[in-house]
């Protein structure tokens, strides 16, 4: 006997909506529970992501330029180059 045997007729089943994934796998069950996305939500989030990425890229370029200028001054000071 198995620890999971209930002795019943198998009446304990899971009902899936018609047309949904019903392969019997856990992944299929999770995917069948999916959330719907509306186009209005996606367009607002996309614009926000583009703005954040543009600001981050600008900060990265500014920081890189600062590092290059400071490194150039430091190397010029070490080598004794004329200004």
PDB file of N, CA and C in Angstrom:
ATOM      1  N   UNK A   1       0.836  -1.195   0.000  1.00  0.00           N
ATOM      2  CA  UNK A   1       0.000   0.000   0.000  1.00  0.00           C
ATOM      3  C   UNK A   1       0.874   1.250   0.000  1.00  0.00           C
ATOM      4  N   UNK A   2       0.426   2.224  -0.699  1.00  0.00           N
ATOM      5  CA  UNK A   2       1.138   3.488  -0.773  1.00  0.00           C
ATOM      6  C   UNK A   2       0.631   4.423   0.317  1.00  0.00           C
ATOM      7  N   UNK A   3       1.498   5.332   0.723  1.00  0.00           N
ATOM      8  CA  UNK A   3       1.092   6.313   1.727  1.00  0.00           C
ATOM      9  C   UNK A   3       0.073   7.287   1.156  1.00  0.00           C
ATOM     10  N   UNK A   4       0.001   7.366  -0.175  1.00  0.00           N
ATOM     11  CA  UNK A   4      -0.909   8.302  -0.815  1.00  0.00           C
ATOM     12  C   UNK A   4      -2.220   7.650  -1.243  1.00  0.00           C
ATOM     13  N   UNK A   5      -2.358   6.375  -1.017  1.00  0.00           N
ATOM     14  CA  UNK A   5      -3.572   5.666  -1.414  1.00  0.00           C
ATOM     15  C   UNK A   5      -4.701   6.017  -0.459  1.00  0.00           C
ATOM     16  N   UNK A   6      -5.792   6.507  -1.010  1.00  0.00           N
ATOM     17  CA  UNK A   6      -6.916   6.903  -0.164  1.00  0.00           C
ATOM     18  C   UNK A   6      -8.033   5.881  -0.187  1.00  0.00           C
ATOM     19  N   UNK A   7      -7.952   4.940  -1.080  1.00  0.00           N
ATOM     20  CA  UNK A   7      -8.995   3.932  -1.143  1.00  0.00           C
ATOM     21  C   UNK A   7     -10.256   4.421  -1.823  1.00  0.00           C
ATOM     22  N   UNK A   8     -10.241   5.655  -2.320  1.00  0.00           N
ATOM     23  CA  UNK A   8     -11.424   6.217  -2.964  1.00  0.00           C
ATOM     24  C   UNK A   8     -11.511   5.807  -4.421  1.00  0.00           C
ATOM     25  N   UNK A   9     -12.500   6.323  -5.086  1.00  0.00           N
ATOM     26  CA  UNK A   9     -12.716   5.976  -6.486  1.00  0.00           C
ATOM     27  C   UNK A   9     -12.000   6.941  -7.426  1.00  0.00           C
ATOM     28  N   UNK A  10     -11.164   7.813  -6.910  1.00  0.00           N
ATOM     29  CA  UNK A  10     -10.459   8.773  -7.754  1.00  0.00           C
ATOM     30  C   UNK A  10     -11.281  10.019  -8.009  1.00  0.00           C
ATOM     31  N   UNK A  11     -12.164  10.377  -7.103  1.00  0.00           N
ATOM     32  CA  UNK A  11     -13.027  11.535  -7.286  1.00  0.00           C
ATOM     33  C   UNK A  11     -12.275  12.844  -7.077  1.00  0.00           C
ATOM     34  N   UNK A  12     -11.085  12.790  -6.517  1.00  0.00           N
ATOM     35  CA  UNK A  12     -10.301  14.002  -6.290  1.00  0.00           C
ATOM     36  C   UNK A  12      -9.559  14.363  -7.574  1.00  0.00           C
ATOM     37  N   UNK A  13     -10.136  15.204  -8.386  1.00  0.00           N
ATOM     38  CA  UNK A  13      -9.526  15.616  -9.645  1.00  0.00           C
ATOM     39  C   UNK A  13      -9.457  17.131  -9.700  1.00  0.00           C
ATOM     40  N   UNK A  14      -8.674  17.622 -10.652  1.00  0.00           N
ATOM     41  CA  UNK A  14      -8.536  19.059 -10.857  1.00  0.00           C
ATOM     42  C   UNK A  14      -9.277  19.415 -12.132  1.00  0.00           C
ATOM     43  N   UNK A  15     -10.144  20.408 -12.063  1.00  0.00           N
ATOM     44  CA  UNK A  15     -10.903  20.836 -13.236  1.00  0.00           C
ATOM     45  C   UNK A  15     -10.200  22.019 -13.891  1.00  0.00           C
ATOM     46  N   UNK A  16      -9.920  21.906 -15.186  1.00  0.00           N
ATOM     47  CA  UNK A  16      -9.313  22.983 -15.955  1.00  0.00           C
ATOM     48  C   UNK A  16     -10.362  23.598 -16.860  1.00  0.00           C
ATOM     49  N   UNK A  17     -10.273  24.893 -17.108  1.00  0.00           N
ATOM     50  CA  UNK A  17     -11.178  25.508 -18.077  1.00  0.00           C
ATOM     51  C   UNK A  17     -10.939  24.915 -19.467  1.00  0.00           C
ATOM     52  N   UNK A  18     -11.966  24.856 -20.260  1.00  0.00           N
ATOM     53  CA  UNK A  18     -11.842  24.298 -21.599  1.00  0.00           C
ATOM     54  C   UNK A  18     -10.945  25.204 -22.438  1.00  0.00           C
ATOM     55  N   UNK A  19     -10.047  24.595 -23.193  1.00  0.00           N
ATOM     56  CA  UNK A  19      -9.166  25.352 -24.064  1.00  0.00           C
ATOM     57  C   UNK A  19      -7.851  25.742 -23.416  1.00  0.00           C
ATOM     58  N   UNK A  20      -7.677  25.473 -22.166  1.00  0.00           N
ATOM     59  CA  UNK A  20      -6.431  25.801 -21.488  1.00  0.00           C
ATOM     60  C   UNK A  20      -5.462  24.624 -21.589  1.00  0.00           C
ATOM     61  N   UNK A  21      -4.215  24.884 -21.249  1.00  0.00           N
ATOM     62  CA  UNK A  21      -3.182  23.859 -21.246  1.00  0.00           C
ATOM     63  C   UNK A  21      -3.547  22.787 -20.237  1.00  0.00           C
ATOM     64  N   UNK A  22      -3.604  21.546 -20.680  1.00  0.00           N
ATOM     65  CA  UNK A  22      -3.958  20.446 -19.792  1.00  0.00           C
ATOM     66  C   UNK A  22      -3.084  19.248 -20.115  1.00  0.00           C
ATOM     67  N   UNK A  23      -1.773  19.421 -20.016  1.00  0.00           N
ATOM     68  CA  UNK A  23      -0.854  18.338 -20.328  1.00  0.00           C
ATOM     69  C   UNK A  23      -0.587  17.467 -19.112  1.00  0.00           C
ATOM     70  N   UNK A  24      -1.010  17.904 -17.958  1.00  0.00           N
ATOM     71  CA  UNK A  24      -0.758  17.149 -16.746  1.00  0.00           C
ATOM     72  C   UNK A  24       0.519  17.566 -16.044  1.00  0.00           C
ATOM     73  N   UNK A  25       1.295  18.451 -16.632  1.00  0.00           N
ATOM     74  CA  UNK A  25       2.546  18.873 -16.015  1.00  0.00           C
ATOM     75  C   UNK A  25       2.312  20.083 -15.122  1.00  0.00           C
ATOM     76  N   UNK A  26       3.201  20.256 -14.176  1.00  0.00           N
ATOM     77  CA  UNK A  26       3.107  21.411 -13.283  1.00  0.00           C
ATOM     78  C   UNK A  26       3.328  22.705 -14.060  1.00  0.00           C
ATOM     79  N   UNK A  27       4.267  22.687 -15.007  1.00  0.00           N
ATOM     80  CA  UNK A  27       4.517  23.878 -15.820  1.00  0.00           C
ATOM     81  C   UNK A  27       3.280  24.260 -16.616  1.00  0.00           C
ATOM     82  N   UNK A  28       2.613  23.266 -17.206  1.00  0.00           N
ATOM     83  CA  UNK A  28       1.391  23.536 -17.955  1.00  0.00           C
ATOM     84  C   UNK A  28       0.311  24.118 -17.074  1.00  0.00           C
ATOM     85  N   UNK A  29       0.214  23.629 -15.858  1.00  0.00           N
ATOM     86  CA  UNK A  29      -0.785  24.151 -14.922  1.00  0.00           C
ATOM     87  C   UNK A  29      -0.474  25.604 -14.563  1.00  0.00           C
ATOM     88  N   UNK A  30       0.806  25.903 -14.317  1.00  0.00           N
ATOM     89  CA  UNK A  30       1.192  27.274 -13.966  1.00  0.00           C
ATOM     90  C   UNK A  30       0.940  28.209 -15.142  1.00  0.00           C
ATOM     91  N   UNK A  31       1.283  27.773 -16.354  1.00  0.00           N
ATOM     92  CA  UNK A  31       1.056  28.608 -17.530  1.00  0.00           C
ATOM     93  C   UNK A  31      -0.425  28.824 -17.790  1.00  0.00           C
ATOM     94  N   UNK A  32      -1.250  27.864 -17.415  1.00  0.00           N
ATOM     95  CA  UNK A  32      -2.691  28.003 -17.615  1.00  0.00           C
ATOM     96  C   UNK A  32      -3.280  29.065 -16.693  1.00  0.00           C
ATOM     97  N   UNK A  33      -2.569  29.419 -15.636  1.00  0.00           N
ATOM     98  CA  UNK A  33      -3.056  30.418 -14.691  1.00  0.00           C
ATOM     99  C   UNK A  33      -2.650  31.824 -15.096  1.00  0.00           C
ATOM    100  N   UNK A  34      -2.039  32.009 -16.260  1.00  0.00           N
ATOM    101  CA  UNK A  34      -1.426  33.270 -16.689  1.00  0.00           C
ATOM    102  C   UNK A  34      -2.280  34.500 -16.502  1.00  0.00           C
ATOM    103  N   UNK A  35      -1.598  35.641 -16.465  1.00  0.00           N
ATOM    104  CA  UNK A  35      -2.253  36.935 -16.306  1.00  0.00           C
ATOM    105  C   UNK A  35      -2.392  37.595 -17.668  1.00  0.00           C
ATOM    106  N   UNK A  36      -3.453  38.324 -17.833  1.00  0.00           N
ATOM    107  CA  UNK A  36      -3.635  39.055 -19.079  1.00  0.00           C
ATOM    108  C   UNK A  36      -2.987  40.425 -18.955  1.00  0.00           C
ATOM    109  N   UNK A  37      -2.418  40.902 -20.055  1.00  0.00           N
ATOM    110  CA  UNK A  37      -1.806  42.228 -20.084  1.00  0.00           C
ATOM    111  C   UNK A  37      -2.593  43.102 -21.037  1.00  0.00           C
ATOM    112  N   UNK A  38      -2.843  44.318 -20.615  1.00  0.00           N
ATOM    113  CA  UNK A  38      -3.547  45.245 -21.491  1.00  0.00           C
ATOM    114  C   UNK A  38      -2.521  46.096 -22.228  1.00  0.00           C
ATOM    115  N   UNK A  39      -2.795  46.508 -23.461  1.00  0.00           N
ATOM    116  CA  UNK A  39      -1.838  47.325 -24.215  1.00  0.00           C
ATOM    117  C   UNK A  39      -1.523  48.657 -23.545  1.00  0.00           C
ATOM    118  N   UNK A  40      -2.462  49.237 -22.809  1.00  0.00           N
ATOM    119  CA  UNK A  40      -2.227  50.529 -22.158  1.00  0.00           C
ATOM    120  C   UNK A  40      -1.137  50.413 -21.096  1.00  0.00           C
ATOM    121  N   UNK A  41      -1.117  49.305 -20.356  1.00  0.00           N
ATOM    122  CA  UNK A  41      -0.103  49.123 -19.327  1.00  0.00           C
ATOM    123  C   UNK A  41       1.278  48.977 -19.954  1.00  0.00           C
ATOM    124  N   UNK A  42       1.371  48.256 -21.037  1.00  0.00           N
ATOM    125  CA  UNK A  42       2.660  47.985 -21.648  1.00  0.00           C
ATOM    126  C   UNK A  42       3.276  49.239 -22.247  1.00  0.00           C
ATOM    127  N   UNK A  43       2.497  50.101 -22.889  1.00  0.00           N
ATOM    128  CA  UNK A  43       3.075  51.276 -23.538  1.00  0.00           C
ATOM    129  C   UNK A  43       3.619  52.263 -22.510  1.00  0.00           C
ATOM    130  N   UNK A  44       2.947  52.439 -21.401  1.00  0.00           N
ATOM    131  CA  UNK A  44       3.438  53.335 -20.356  1.00  0.00           C
ATOM    132  C   UNK A  44       4.712  52.817 -19.729  1.00  0.00           C
ATOM    133  N   UNK A  45       4.785  51.523 -19.509  1.00  0.00           N
ATOM    134  CA  UNK A  45       5.985  50.937 -18.925  1.00  0.00           C
ATOM    135  C   UNK A  45       7.151  50.997 -19.903  1.00  0.00           C
ATOM    136  N   UNK A  46       6.877  50.839 -21.187  1.00  0.00           N
ATOM    137  CA  UNK A  46       7.942  50.889 -22.179  1.00  0.00           C
ATOM    138  C   UNK A  46       8.556  52.281 -22.234  1.00  0.00           C
ATOM    139  N   UNK A  47       7.740  53.296 -22.206  1.00  0.00           N
ATOM    140  CA  UNK A  47       8.249  54.668 -22.223  1.00  0.00           C
ATOM    141  C   UNK A  47       9.101  54.942 -20.991  1.00  0.00           C
ATOM    142  N   UNK A  48       8.652  54.492 -19.850  1.00  0.00           N
ATOM    143  CA  UNK A  48       9.406  54.686 -18.608  1.00  0.00           C
ATOM    144  C   UNK A  48      10.757  53.973 -18.685  1.00  0.00           C
ATOM    145  N   UNK A  49      10.777  52.770 -19.227  1.00  0.00           N
ATOM    146  CA  UNK A  49      12.024  52.013 -19.345  1.00  0.00           C
ATOM    147  C   UNK A  49      12.995  52.722 -20.283  1.00  0.00           C
ATOM    148  N   UNK A  50      12.493  53.238 -21.398  1.00  0.00           N
ATOM    149  CA  UNK A  50      13.350  53.950 -22.350  1.00  0.00           C
ATOM    150  C   UNK A  50      13.943  55.199 -21.702  1.00  0.00           C
ATOM    151  N   UNK A  51      13.152  55.933 -20.942  1.00  0.00           N
ATOM    152  CA  UNK A  51      13.646  57.141 -20.272  1.00  0.00           C
ATOM    153  C   UNK A  51      14.713  56.788 -19.239  1.00  0.00           C
ATOM    154  N   UNK A  52      14.463  55.762 -18.444  1.00  0.00           N
ATOM    155  CA  UNK A  52      15.432  55.354 -17.420  1.00  0.00           C
ATOM    156  C   UNK A  52      16.732  54.892 -18.072  1.00  0.00           C
ATOM    157  N   UNK A  53      16.631  54.123 -19.156  1.00  0.00           N
ATOM    158  CA  UNK A  53      17.840  53.663 -19.841  1.00  0.00           C
ATOM    159  C   UNK A  53      18.614  54.824 -20.462  1.00  0.00           C
ATOM    160  N   UNK A  54      17.924  55.815 -21.009  1.00  0.00           N
ATOM    161  CA  UNK A  54      18.593  56.979 -21.593  1.00  0.00           C
ATOM    162  C   UNK A  54      19.327  57.776 -20.516  1.00  0.00           C
ATOM    163  N   UNK A  55      18.697  57.961 -19.367  1.00  0.00           N
ATOM    164  CA  UNK A  55      19.344  58.680 -18.262  1.00  0.00           C
ATOM    165  C   UNK A  55      20.556  57.896 -17.764  1.00  0.00           C
ATOM    166  N   UNK A  56      20.420  56.591 -17.633  1.00  0.00           N
ATOM    167  CA  UNK A  56      21.534  55.763 -17.175  1.00  0.00           C
ATOM    168  C   UNK A  56      22.694  55.813 -18.165  1.00  0.00           C
ATOM    169  N   UNK A  57      22.390  55.780 -19.460  1.00  0.00           N
ATOM    170  CA  UNK A  57      23.440  55.868 -20.472  1.00  0.00           C
ATOM    171  C   UNK A  57      24.144  57.225 -20.410  1.00  0.00           C
ATOM    172  N   UNK A  58      23.390  58.302 -20.222  1.00  0.00           N
ATOM    173  CA  UNK A  58      23.984  59.628 -20.099  1.00  0.00           C
ATOM    174  C   UNK A  58      24.907  59.727 -18.896  1.00  0.00           C
ATOM    175  N   UNK A  59      24.481  59.172 -17.766  1.00  0.00           N
ATOM    176  CA  UNK A  59      25.331  59.184 -16.570  1.00  0.00           C
ATOM    177  C   UNK A  59      26.593  58.355 -16.779  1.00  0.00           C
ATOM    178  N   UNK A  60      26.462  57.239 -17.459  1.00  0.00           N
ATOM    179  CA  UNK A  60      27.620  56.393 -17.727  1.00  0.00           C
ATOM    180  C   UNK A  60      28.630  57.100 -18.627  1.00  0.00           C
ATOM    181  N   UNK A  61      28.154  57.775 -19.647  1.00  0.00           N
ATOM    182  CA  UNK A  61      29.045  58.515 -20.548  1.00  0.00           C
ATOM    183  C   UNK A  61      29.723  59.658 -19.796  1.00  0.00           C
ATOM    184  N   UNK A  62      28.983  60.395 -18.970  1.00  0.00           N
ATOM    185  CA  UNK A  62      29.567  61.500 -18.206  1.00  0.00           C
ATOM    186  C   UNK A  62      30.623  60.989 -17.228  1.00  0.00           C
ATOM    187  N   UNK A  63      30.343  59.896 -16.544  1.00  0.00           N
ATOM    188  CA  UNK A  63      31.299  59.321 -15.601  1.00  0.00           C
ATOM    189  C   UNK A  63      32.547  58.830 -16.335  1.00  0.00           C
ATOM    190  N   UNK A  64      32.361  58.224 -17.495  1.00  0.00           N
ATOM    191  CA  UNK A  64      33.502  57.737 -18.284  1.00  0.00           C
ATOM    192  C   UNK A  64      34.380  58.897 -18.745  1.00  0.00           C
ATOM    193  N   UNK A  65      33.771  59.988 -19.183  1.00  0.00           N
ATOM    194  CA  UNK A  65      34.539  61.157 -19.610  1.00  0.00           C
ATOM    195  C   UNK A  65      35.327  61.736 -18.440  1.00  0.00           C
ATOM    196  N   UNK A  66      34.734  61.780 -17.261  1.00  0.00           N
ATOM    197  CA  UNK A  66      35.425  62.272 -16.072  1.00  0.00           C
ATOM    198  C   UNK A  66      36.624  61.388 -15.734  1.00  0.00           C
ATOM    199  N   UNK A  67      36.449  60.083 -15.816  1.00  0.00           N
ATOM    200  CA  UNK A  67      37.553  59.156 -15.528  1.00  0.00           C
ATOM    201  C   UNK A  67      38.683  59.343 -16.532  1.00  0.00           C
ATOM    202  N   UNK A  68      38.349  59.499 -17.812  1.00  0.00           N
ATOM    203  CA  UNK A  68      39.380  59.693 -18.841  1.00  0.00           C
ATOM    204  C   UNK A  68      40.141  60.990 -18.589  1.00  0.00           C
ATOM    205  N   UNK A  69      39.451  62.065 -18.265  1.00  0.00           N
ATOM    206  CA  UNK A  69      40.124  63.343 -18.011  1.00  0.00           C
ATOM    207  C   UNK A  69      41.023  63.266 -16.781  1.00  0.00           C
ATOM    208  N   UNK A  70      40.545  62.639 -15.714  1.00  0.00           N
ATOM    209  CA  UNK A  70      41.366  62.512 -14.505  1.00  0.00           C
ATOM    210  C   UNK A  70      42.565  61.608 -14.746  1.00  0.00           C
ATOM    211  N   UNK A  71      42.373  60.525 -15.480  1.00  0.00           N
ATOM    212  CA  UNK A  71      43.487  59.623 -15.772  1.00  0.00           C
ATOM    213  C   UNK A  71      44.518  60.317 -16.655  1.00  0.00           C
ATOM    214  N   UNK A  72      44.057  61.123 -17.590  1.00  0.00           N
ATOM    215  CA  UNK A  72      44.977  61.858 -18.464  1.00  0.00           C
ATOM    216  C   UNK A  72      45.822  62.833 -17.648  1.00  0.00           C
ATOM    217  N   UNK A  73      45.194  63.550 -16.726  1.00  0.00           N
ATOM    218  CA  UNK A  73      45.929  64.484 -15.870  1.00  0.00           C
ATOM    219  C   UNK A  73      46.912  63.740 -14.975  1.00  0.00           C
ATOM    220  N   UNK A  74      46.506  62.601 -14.440  1.00  0.00           N
ATOM    221  CA  UNK A  74      47.380  61.830 -13.559  1.00  0.00           C
ATOM    222  C   UNK A  74      48.582  61.293 -14.326  1.00  0.00           C
ATOM    223  N   UNK A  75      48.372  60.790 -15.528  1.00  0.00           N
ATOM    224  CA  UNK A  75      49.485  60.266 -16.322  1.00  0.00           C
ATOM    225  C   UNK A  75      50.411  61.385 -16.780  1.00  0.00           C
ATOM    226  N   UNK A  76      49.852  62.534 -17.095  1.00  0.00           N
ATOM    227  CA  UNK A  76      50.685  63.678 -17.478  1.00  0.00           C
ATOM    228  C   UNK A  76      51.556  64.115 -16.313  1.00  0.00           C
ATOM    229  N   UNK A  77      51.014  64.076 -15.110  1.00  0.00           N
ATOM    230  CA  UNK A  77      51.786  64.442 -13.925  1.00  0.00           C
ATOM    231  C   UNK A  77      52.877  63.434 -13.626  1.00  0.00           C
ATOM    232  N   UNK A  78      52.636  62.166 -13.869  1.00  0.00           N
ATOM    233  CA  UNK A  78      53.637  61.134 -13.604  1.00  0.00           C
ATOM    234  C   UNK A  78      54.789  61.189 -14.599  1.00  0.00           C
ATOM    235  N   UNK A  79      54.486  61.475 -15.841  1.00  0.00           N
ATOM    236  CA  UNK A  79      55.531  61.478 -16.871  1.00  0.00           C
ATOM    237  C   UNK A  79      56.247  62.812 -16.968  1.00  0.00           C
ATOM    238  N   UNK A  80      55.734  63.834 -16.329  1.00  0.00           N
ATOM    239  CA  UNK A  80      56.373  65.145 -16.359  1.00  0.00           C
ATOM    240  C   UNK A  80      56.182  65.861 -17.682  1.00  0.00           C
ATOM    241  N   UNK A  81      55.114  65.558 -18.373  1.00  0.00           N
ATOM    242  CA  UNK A  81      54.844  66.198 -19.659  1.00  0.00           C
ATOM    243  C   UNK A  81      54.518  67.663 -19.444  1.00  0.00           C
ATOM    244  N   UNK A  82      54.868  68.460 -20.450  1.00  0.00           N
ATOM    245  CA  UNK A  82      54.565  69.885 -20.377  1.00  0.00           C
ATOM    246  C   UNK A  82      53.084  70.112 -20.624  1.00  0.00           C
ATOM    247  N   UNK A  83      52.469  71.004 -19.857  1.00  0.00           N
ATOM    248  CA  UNK A  83      51.027  71.247 -20.045  1.00  0.00           C
ATOM    249  C   UNK A  83      50.694  71.956 -21.323  1.00  0.00           C
TER     250      UNK A  83
END
